[in-house]
Amino acid sequence: MPEPQPQSAEPTASDSLKKFQKELSAGTVSLALLAVLGAATEPMYGYQIAKRLEHEGEGVLSGKQSALYPVLRNLCAAGLLDSHVEPSIAGPPRRYYQITAAGREALREWVAAWRATRDSVDSVLQGLPQ
């Protein structure tokens, strides 16, 4: 007779929230990175970008600095960002990122898509208790 399989614990509301936040964050980080670099007047390195996100995003995107680098690499691979490495007096060389013309066009399109999605979701959520 086979042994009974252990029952997996039911997901909690906290687990569900974490999963939702992770899925929501996946696309918004790319948009936020493009927005920061689109507003920059000169190339920025990763730590500068993370600090700008933390400051301007009111902490919503903070604490995810290590997650930024794979997204930056993906945006470079897609041709939306350029990068170059410069030596640093105070430590290891730094990789600087700058938005490309294709990145600016993508940013315009993504912002429009974000706003349409946000407005649509806000419309559905209207009237729900806080």
N, C-alpha and C. Protein backbone atom coordinates (compact mmCIF):
# COMPACT_ATOMS: atom_id res chain seq x y z
N MET A 1 0.85 -1.17 0.00
CA MET A 1 0.00 0.00 0.00
C MET A 1 0.90 1.24 0.00
N PRO A 2 0.70 2.19 -0.96
CA PRO A 2 1.57 3.37 -1.02
C PRO A 2 1.33 4.29 0.18
N GLU A 3 2.42 4.96 0.56
CA GLU A 3 2.32 5.90 1.67
C GLU A 3 1.55 7.13 1.22
N PRO A 4 0.75 7.69 2.09
CA PRO A 4 0.02 8.90 1.73
C PRO A 4 1.00 10.06 1.51
N GLN A 5 0.73 10.86 0.50
CA GLN A 5 1.56 12.03 0.22
C GLN A 5 1.21 13.13 1.21
N PRO A 6 2.24 13.85 1.68
CA PRO A 6 1.94 14.94 2.61
C PRO A 6 1.15 16.04 1.91
N GLN A 7 0.20 16.57 2.64
CA GLN A 7 -0.61 17.65 2.11
C GLN A 7 0.22 18.93 2.08
N SER A 8 0.18 19.63 0.97
CA SER A 8 0.89 20.91 0.92
C SER A 8 0.05 21.96 1.63
N ALA A 9 0.73 22.87 2.26
CA ALA A 9 0.04 23.92 2.99
C ALA A 9 -0.67 24.84 2.00
N GLU A 10 -1.83 25.28 2.39
CA GLU A 10 -2.58 26.23 1.56
C GLU A 10 -1.81 27.54 1.51
N PRO A 11 -1.80 28.17 0.35
CA PRO A 11 -1.13 29.47 0.28
C PRO A 11 -1.86 30.49 1.17
N THR A 12 -1.08 31.32 1.82
CA THR A 12 -1.66 32.35 2.69
C THR A 12 -1.89 33.62 1.88
N ALA A 13 -2.60 34.55 2.46
CA ALA A 13 -2.82 35.85 1.81
C ALA A 13 -1.48 36.54 1.58
N SER A 14 -0.55 36.37 2.51
CA SER A 14 0.78 36.97 2.38
C SER A 14 1.53 36.36 1.18
N ASP A 15 1.42 35.03 1.01
CA ASP A 15 2.05 34.36 -0.13
C ASP A 15 1.46 34.88 -1.44
N SER A 16 0.16 35.02 -1.44
CA SER A 16 -0.54 35.51 -2.63
C SER A 16 -0.11 36.93 -2.97
N LEU A 17 0.03 37.77 -1.95
CA LEU A 17 0.46 39.15 -2.16
C LEU A 17 1.88 39.18 -2.72
N LYS A 18 2.77 38.37 -2.16
CA LYS A 18 4.16 38.32 -2.64
C LYS A 18 4.21 37.90 -4.10
N LYS A 19 3.42 36.91 -4.48
CA LYS A 19 3.38 36.45 -5.86
C LYS A 19 2.85 37.56 -6.77
N PHE A 20 1.79 38.23 -6.35
CA PHE A 20 1.21 39.33 -7.12
C PHE A 20 2.23 40.45 -7.31
N GLN A 21 2.92 40.82 -6.23
CA GLN A 21 3.91 41.89 -6.30
C GLN A 21 5.07 41.52 -7.24
N LYS A 22 5.48 40.26 -7.21
CA LYS A 22 6.57 39.80 -8.07
C LYS A 22 6.15 39.89 -9.54
N GLU A 23 4.94 39.43 -9.84
CA GLU A 23 4.45 39.47 -11.22
C GLU A 23 4.26 40.91 -11.69
N LEU A 24 3.74 41.76 -10.84
CA LEU A 24 3.53 43.15 -11.17
C LEU A 24 4.87 43.86 -11.38
N SER A 25 5.83 43.54 -10.56
CA SER A 25 7.15 44.16 -10.63
C SER A 25 7.89 43.82 -11.91
N ALA A 26 7.65 42.64 -12.47
CA ALA A 26 8.43 42.18 -13.62
C ALA A 26 8.43 43.18 -14.77
N GLY A 27 7.29 43.70 -15.14
CA GLY A 27 7.23 44.65 -16.25
C GLY A 27 7.49 46.08 -15.84
N THR A 28 7.12 46.43 -14.62
CA THR A 28 7.25 47.82 -14.20
C THR A 28 8.69 48.23 -13.98
N VAL A 29 9.56 47.29 -13.62
CA VAL A 29 10.97 47.63 -13.42
C VAL A 29 11.59 48.08 -14.74
N SER A 30 11.29 47.39 -15.84
CA SER A 30 11.82 47.81 -17.14
C SER A 30 11.34 49.20 -17.50
N LEU A 31 10.07 49.46 -17.28
CA LEU A 31 9.51 50.79 -17.57
C LEU A 31 10.19 51.84 -16.70
N ALA A 32 10.34 51.57 -15.42
CA ALA A 32 10.96 52.54 -14.50
C ALA A 32 12.41 52.80 -14.88
N LEU A 33 13.15 51.75 -15.26
CA LEU A 33 14.54 51.94 -15.68
C LEU A 33 14.64 52.81 -16.92
N LEU A 34 13.80 52.53 -17.91
CA LEU A 34 13.80 53.36 -19.12
C LEU A 34 13.44 54.80 -18.78
N ALA A 35 12.48 54.99 -17.88
CA ALA A 35 12.07 56.34 -17.51
C ALA A 35 13.20 57.10 -16.83
N VAL A 36 13.91 56.45 -15.92
CA VAL A 36 15.03 57.10 -15.24
C VAL A 36 16.10 57.49 -16.25
N LEU A 37 16.45 56.56 -17.15
CA LEU A 37 17.49 56.85 -18.13
C LEU A 37 17.00 57.80 -19.21
N GLY A 38 15.71 57.80 -19.48
CA GLY A 38 15.15 58.75 -20.43
C GLY A 38 15.19 60.18 -19.92
N ALA A 39 15.13 60.35 -18.61
CA ALA A 39 15.17 61.68 -18.00
C ALA A 39 16.60 62.13 -17.68
N ALA A 40 17.55 61.21 -17.72
CA ALA A 40 18.94 61.52 -17.36
C ALA A 40 19.60 62.39 -18.42
N THR A 41 20.43 63.30 -17.97
CA THR A 41 21.15 64.17 -18.90
C THR A 41 22.51 63.59 -19.29
N GLU A 42 22.92 62.54 -18.60
CA GLU A 42 24.19 61.88 -18.91
C GLU A 42 24.09 60.41 -18.52
N PRO A 43 24.98 59.56 -19.03
CA PRO A 43 24.93 58.14 -18.67
C PRO A 43 25.01 57.95 -17.15
N MET A 44 24.38 56.89 -16.68
CA MET A 44 24.36 56.58 -15.25
C MET A 44 24.83 55.15 -15.02
N TYR A 45 25.45 54.90 -13.87
CA TYR A 45 25.81 53.53 -13.52
C TYR A 45 24.77 52.95 -12.57
N GLY A 46 24.82 51.64 -12.40
CA GLY A 46 23.77 50.91 -11.70
C GLY A 46 23.37 51.46 -10.35
N TYR A 47 24.35 51.78 -9.51
CA TYR A 47 24.03 52.27 -8.17
C TYR A 47 23.29 53.61 -8.24
N GLN A 48 23.71 54.49 -9.18
CA GLN A 48 23.01 55.77 -9.35
C GLN A 48 21.55 55.54 -9.75
N ILE A 49 21.36 54.59 -10.67
CA ILE A 49 20.01 54.28 -11.14
C ILE A 49 19.16 53.76 -9.98
N ALA A 50 19.74 52.84 -9.19
CA ALA A 50 19.01 52.27 -8.05
C ALA A 50 18.62 53.35 -7.05
N LYS A 51 19.54 54.28 -6.78
CA LYS A 51 19.25 55.35 -5.83
C LYS A 51 18.17 56.28 -6.37
N ARG A 52 18.20 56.57 -7.66
CA ARG A 52 17.17 57.41 -8.27
C ARG A 52 15.81 56.73 -8.18
N LEU A 53 15.78 55.44 -8.46
CA LEU A 53 14.52 54.68 -8.36
C LEU A 53 14.00 54.70 -6.93
N GLU A 54 14.91 54.52 -5.99
CA GLU A 54 14.51 54.51 -4.58
C GLU A 54 13.95 55.87 -4.18
N HIS A 55 14.60 56.93 -4.61
CA HIS A 55 14.17 58.28 -4.24
C HIS A 55 12.88 58.67 -4.95
N GLU A 56 12.83 58.52 -6.27
CA GLU A 56 11.67 58.97 -7.03
C GLU A 56 10.50 57.99 -6.94
N GLY A 57 10.79 56.72 -6.70
CA GLY A 57 9.73 55.73 -6.59
C GLY A 57 9.19 55.61 -5.19
N GLU A 58 9.60 56.54 -4.31
CA GLU A 58 9.15 56.58 -2.92
C GLU A 58 9.33 55.24 -2.23
N GLY A 59 10.42 54.54 -2.58
CA GLY A 59 10.75 53.29 -1.91
C GLY A 59 10.06 52.06 -2.45
N VAL A 60 9.10 52.23 -3.36
CA VAL A 60 8.35 51.09 -3.88
C VAL A 60 9.28 50.12 -4.61
N LEU A 61 10.26 50.67 -5.33
CA LEU A 61 11.18 49.82 -6.10
C LEU A 61 12.51 49.64 -5.38
N SER A 62 12.63 50.09 -4.15
CA SER A 62 13.90 49.96 -3.44
C SER A 62 14.11 48.53 -2.96
N GLY A 63 15.34 48.22 -2.65
CA GLY A 63 15.67 46.90 -2.14
C GLY A 63 15.77 45.85 -3.23
N LYS A 64 15.70 46.26 -4.47
CA LYS A 64 15.76 45.31 -5.57
C LYS A 64 16.97 45.62 -6.47
N GLN A 65 18.02 46.19 -5.89
CA GLN A 65 19.16 46.62 -6.70
C GLN A 65 19.77 45.47 -7.49
N SER A 66 19.92 44.30 -6.89
CA SER A 66 20.51 43.17 -7.61
C SER A 66 19.63 42.73 -8.78
N ALA A 67 18.34 42.97 -8.66
CA ALA A 67 17.41 42.59 -9.74
C ALA A 67 17.49 43.55 -10.92
N LEU A 68 18.07 44.72 -10.72
CA LEU A 68 18.15 45.71 -11.80
C LEU A 68 19.13 45.29 -12.89
N TYR A 69 20.23 44.66 -12.50
CA TYR A 69 21.29 44.38 -13.47
C TYR A 69 20.86 43.42 -14.58
N PRO A 70 20.14 42.35 -14.28
CA PRO A 70 19.67 41.50 -15.38
C PRO A 70 18.70 42.26 -16.31
N VAL A 71 17.89 43.13 -15.74
CA VAL A 71 16.95 43.91 -16.56
C VAL A 71 17.72 44.89 -17.43
N LEU A 72 18.74 45.54 -16.86
CA LEU A 72 19.58 46.45 -17.65
C LEU A 72 20.24 45.70 -18.80
N ARG A 73 20.74 44.49 -18.53
CA ARG A 73 21.37 43.69 -19.60
C ARG A 73 20.35 43.33 -20.68
N ASN A 74 19.14 42.97 -20.27
CA ASN A 74 18.09 42.64 -21.25
C ASN A 74 17.72 43.85 -22.09
N LEU A 75 17.64 45.02 -21.48
CA LEU A 75 17.32 46.23 -22.23
C LEU A 75 18.44 46.59 -23.21
N CYS A 76 19.68 46.33 -22.81
CA CYS A 76 20.81 46.53 -23.73
C CYS A 76 20.72 45.54 -24.90
N ALA A 77 20.46 44.29 -24.60
CA ALA A 77 20.37 43.26 -25.64
C ALA A 77 19.24 43.57 -26.62
N ALA A 78 18.19 44.23 -26.15
CA ALA A 78 17.06 44.59 -27.01
C ALA A 78 17.33 45.88 -27.80
N GLY A 79 18.47 46.50 -27.55
CA GLY A 79 18.82 47.73 -28.26
C GLY A 79 18.18 48.98 -27.69
N LEU A 80 17.60 48.87 -26.49
CA LEU A 80 16.93 50.01 -25.88
C LEU A 80 17.88 50.86 -25.04
N LEU A 81 19.00 50.26 -24.64
CA LEU A 81 20.04 50.96 -23.90
C LEU A 81 21.40 50.65 -24.52
N ASP A 82 22.32 51.58 -24.38
CA ASP A 82 23.74 51.34 -24.69
C ASP A 82 24.46 51.34 -23.35
N SER A 83 25.59 50.66 -23.31
CA SER A 83 26.40 50.69 -22.09
C SER A 83 27.88 50.72 -22.46
N HIS A 84 28.65 51.24 -21.55
CA HIS A 84 30.11 51.23 -21.68
C HIS A 84 30.71 51.20 -20.28
N VAL A 85 31.95 50.72 -20.20
CA VAL A 85 32.63 50.61 -18.92
C VAL A 85 33.70 51.70 -18.84
N GLU A 86 33.76 52.34 -17.68
CA GLU A 86 34.79 53.35 -17.41
C GLU A 86 35.51 52.98 -16.12
N PRO A 87 36.82 53.23 -16.08
CA PRO A 87 37.54 52.98 -14.82
C PRO A 87 37.03 53.92 -13.72
N SER A 88 37.18 53.48 -12.50
CA SER A 88 36.76 54.28 -11.35
C SER A 88 37.95 54.47 -10.42
N ILE A 89 38.14 55.67 -9.95
CA ILE A 89 39.25 55.96 -9.02
C ILE A 89 39.00 55.28 -7.68
N ALA A 90 37.73 55.23 -7.27
CA ALA A 90 37.38 54.76 -5.94
C ALA A 90 37.07 53.27 -5.86
N GLY A 91 37.25 52.52 -6.94
CA GLY A 91 36.90 51.11 -6.87
C GLY A 91 36.99 50.45 -8.23
N PRO A 92 36.21 49.38 -8.39
CA PRO A 92 36.26 48.66 -9.67
C PRO A 92 35.64 49.51 -10.79
N PRO A 93 35.90 49.14 -12.03
CA PRO A 93 35.30 49.88 -13.15
C PRO A 93 33.77 49.86 -13.05
N ARG A 94 33.16 50.89 -13.60
CA ARG A 94 31.70 51.01 -13.55
C ARG A 94 31.13 50.92 -14.96
N ARG A 95 29.99 50.24 -15.07
CA ARG A 95 29.28 50.19 -16.35
C ARG A 95 28.22 51.28 -16.34
N TYR A 96 28.29 52.14 -17.34
CA TYR A 96 27.35 53.24 -17.49
C TYR A 96 26.32 52.89 -18.56
N TYR A 97 25.08 53.32 -18.33
CA TYR A 97 23.97 53.03 -19.24
C TYR A 97 23.38 54.33 -19.75
N GLN A 98 22.93 54.28 -21.01
CA GLN A 98 22.31 55.43 -21.64
C GLN A 98 21.21 54.93 -22.57
N ILE A 99 20.08 55.64 -22.60
CA ILE A 99 18.96 55.24 -23.44
C ILE A 99 19.30 55.51 -24.91
N THR A 100 18.83 54.65 -25.80
CA THR A 100 19.03 54.81 -27.24
C THR A 100 17.79 55.46 -27.85
N ALA A 101 17.87 55.78 -29.14
CA ALA A 101 16.69 56.31 -29.85
C ALA A 101 15.57 55.28 -29.82
N ALA A 102 15.91 54.01 -30.03
CA ALA A 102 14.90 52.95 -29.96
C ALA A 102 14.32 52.86 -28.55
N GLY A 103 15.16 53.09 -27.54
CA GLY A 103 14.69 53.08 -26.16
C GLY A 103 13.72 54.21 -25.88
N ARG A 104 13.99 55.39 -26.46
CA ARG A 104 13.07 56.53 -26.28
C ARG A 104 11.71 56.24 -26.92
N GLU A 105 11.73 55.61 -28.09
CA GLU A 105 10.48 55.26 -28.76
C GLU A 105 9.72 54.21 -27.94
N ALA A 106 10.45 53.19 -27.46
CA ALA A 106 9.82 52.16 -26.62
C ALA A 106 9.26 52.80 -25.36
N LEU A 107 9.99 53.73 -24.76
CA LEU A 107 9.52 54.40 -23.55
C LEU A 107 8.20 55.12 -23.82
N ARG A 108 8.11 55.84 -24.92
CA ARG A 108 6.85 56.53 -25.25
C ARG A 108 5.70 55.52 -25.36
N GLU A 109 5.95 54.41 -26.06
CA GLU A 109 4.91 53.40 -26.23
C GLU A 109 4.54 52.73 -24.90
N TRP A 110 5.55 52.40 -24.11
CA TRP A 110 5.31 51.74 -22.83
C TRP A 110 4.55 52.64 -21.86
N VAL A 111 4.90 53.94 -21.86
CA VAL A 111 4.21 54.88 -20.98
C VAL A 111 2.72 54.96 -21.36
N ALA A 112 2.45 55.01 -22.66
CA ALA A 112 1.06 55.04 -23.12
C ALA A 112 0.33 53.76 -22.70
N ALA A 113 0.99 52.62 -22.86
CA ALA A 113 0.38 51.34 -22.47
C ALA A 113 0.17 51.29 -20.96
N TRP A 114 1.15 51.76 -20.19
CA TRP A 114 1.03 51.79 -18.73
C TRP A 114 -0.15 52.64 -18.30
N ARG A 115 -0.24 53.84 -18.87
CA ARG A 115 -1.32 54.76 -18.47
C ARG A 115 -2.69 54.20 -18.83
N ALA A 116 -2.80 53.59 -20.01
CA ALA A 116 -4.08 52.99 -20.41
C ALA A 116 -4.44 51.84 -19.47
N THR A 117 -3.46 51.02 -19.13
CA THR A 117 -3.69 49.89 -18.21
C THR A 117 -4.07 50.39 -16.83
N ARG A 118 -3.30 51.37 -16.35
CA ARG A 118 -3.57 51.94 -15.02
C ARG A 118 -4.97 52.52 -14.96
N ASP A 119 -5.34 53.29 -15.97
CA ASP A 119 -6.67 53.91 -15.98
C ASP A 119 -7.77 52.85 -16.03
N SER A 120 -7.55 51.81 -16.81
CA SER A 120 -8.53 50.73 -16.92
C SER A 120 -8.70 50.01 -15.60
N VAL A 121 -7.58 49.67 -14.97
CA VAL A 121 -7.64 48.97 -13.68
C VAL A 121 -8.26 49.88 -12.62
N ASP A 122 -7.85 51.15 -12.60
CA ASP A 122 -8.43 52.09 -11.64
C ASP A 122 -9.94 52.19 -11.81
N SER A 123 -10.40 52.16 -13.05
CA SER A 123 -11.83 52.24 -13.33
C SER A 123 -12.56 51.02 -12.75
N VAL A 124 -11.96 49.86 -12.89
CA VAL A 124 -12.56 48.62 -12.35
C VAL A 124 -12.53 48.64 -10.82
N LEU A 125 -11.47 49.17 -10.25
CA LEU A 125 -11.32 49.18 -8.79
C LEU A 125 -12.13 50.27 -8.10
N GLN A 126 -12.59 51.24 -8.86
CA GLN A 126 -13.31 52.36 -8.29
C GLN A 126 -14.52 51.86 -7.48
N GLY A 127 -14.63 52.40 -6.32
CA GLY A 127 -15.77 52.05 -5.47
C GLY A 127 -15.48 50.93 -4.49
N LEU A 128 -14.34 50.25 -4.65
CA LEU A 128 -14.00 49.20 -3.67
C LEU A 128 -13.57 49.85 -2.37
N PRO A 129 -13.85 49.20 -1.26
CA PRO A 129 -13.38 49.76 0.03
C PRO A 129 -11.86 49.71 0.07
N GLN A 130 -11.28 50.69 0.74
CA GLN A 130 -9.81 50.78 0.82
C GLN A 130 -9.30 49.82 1.81
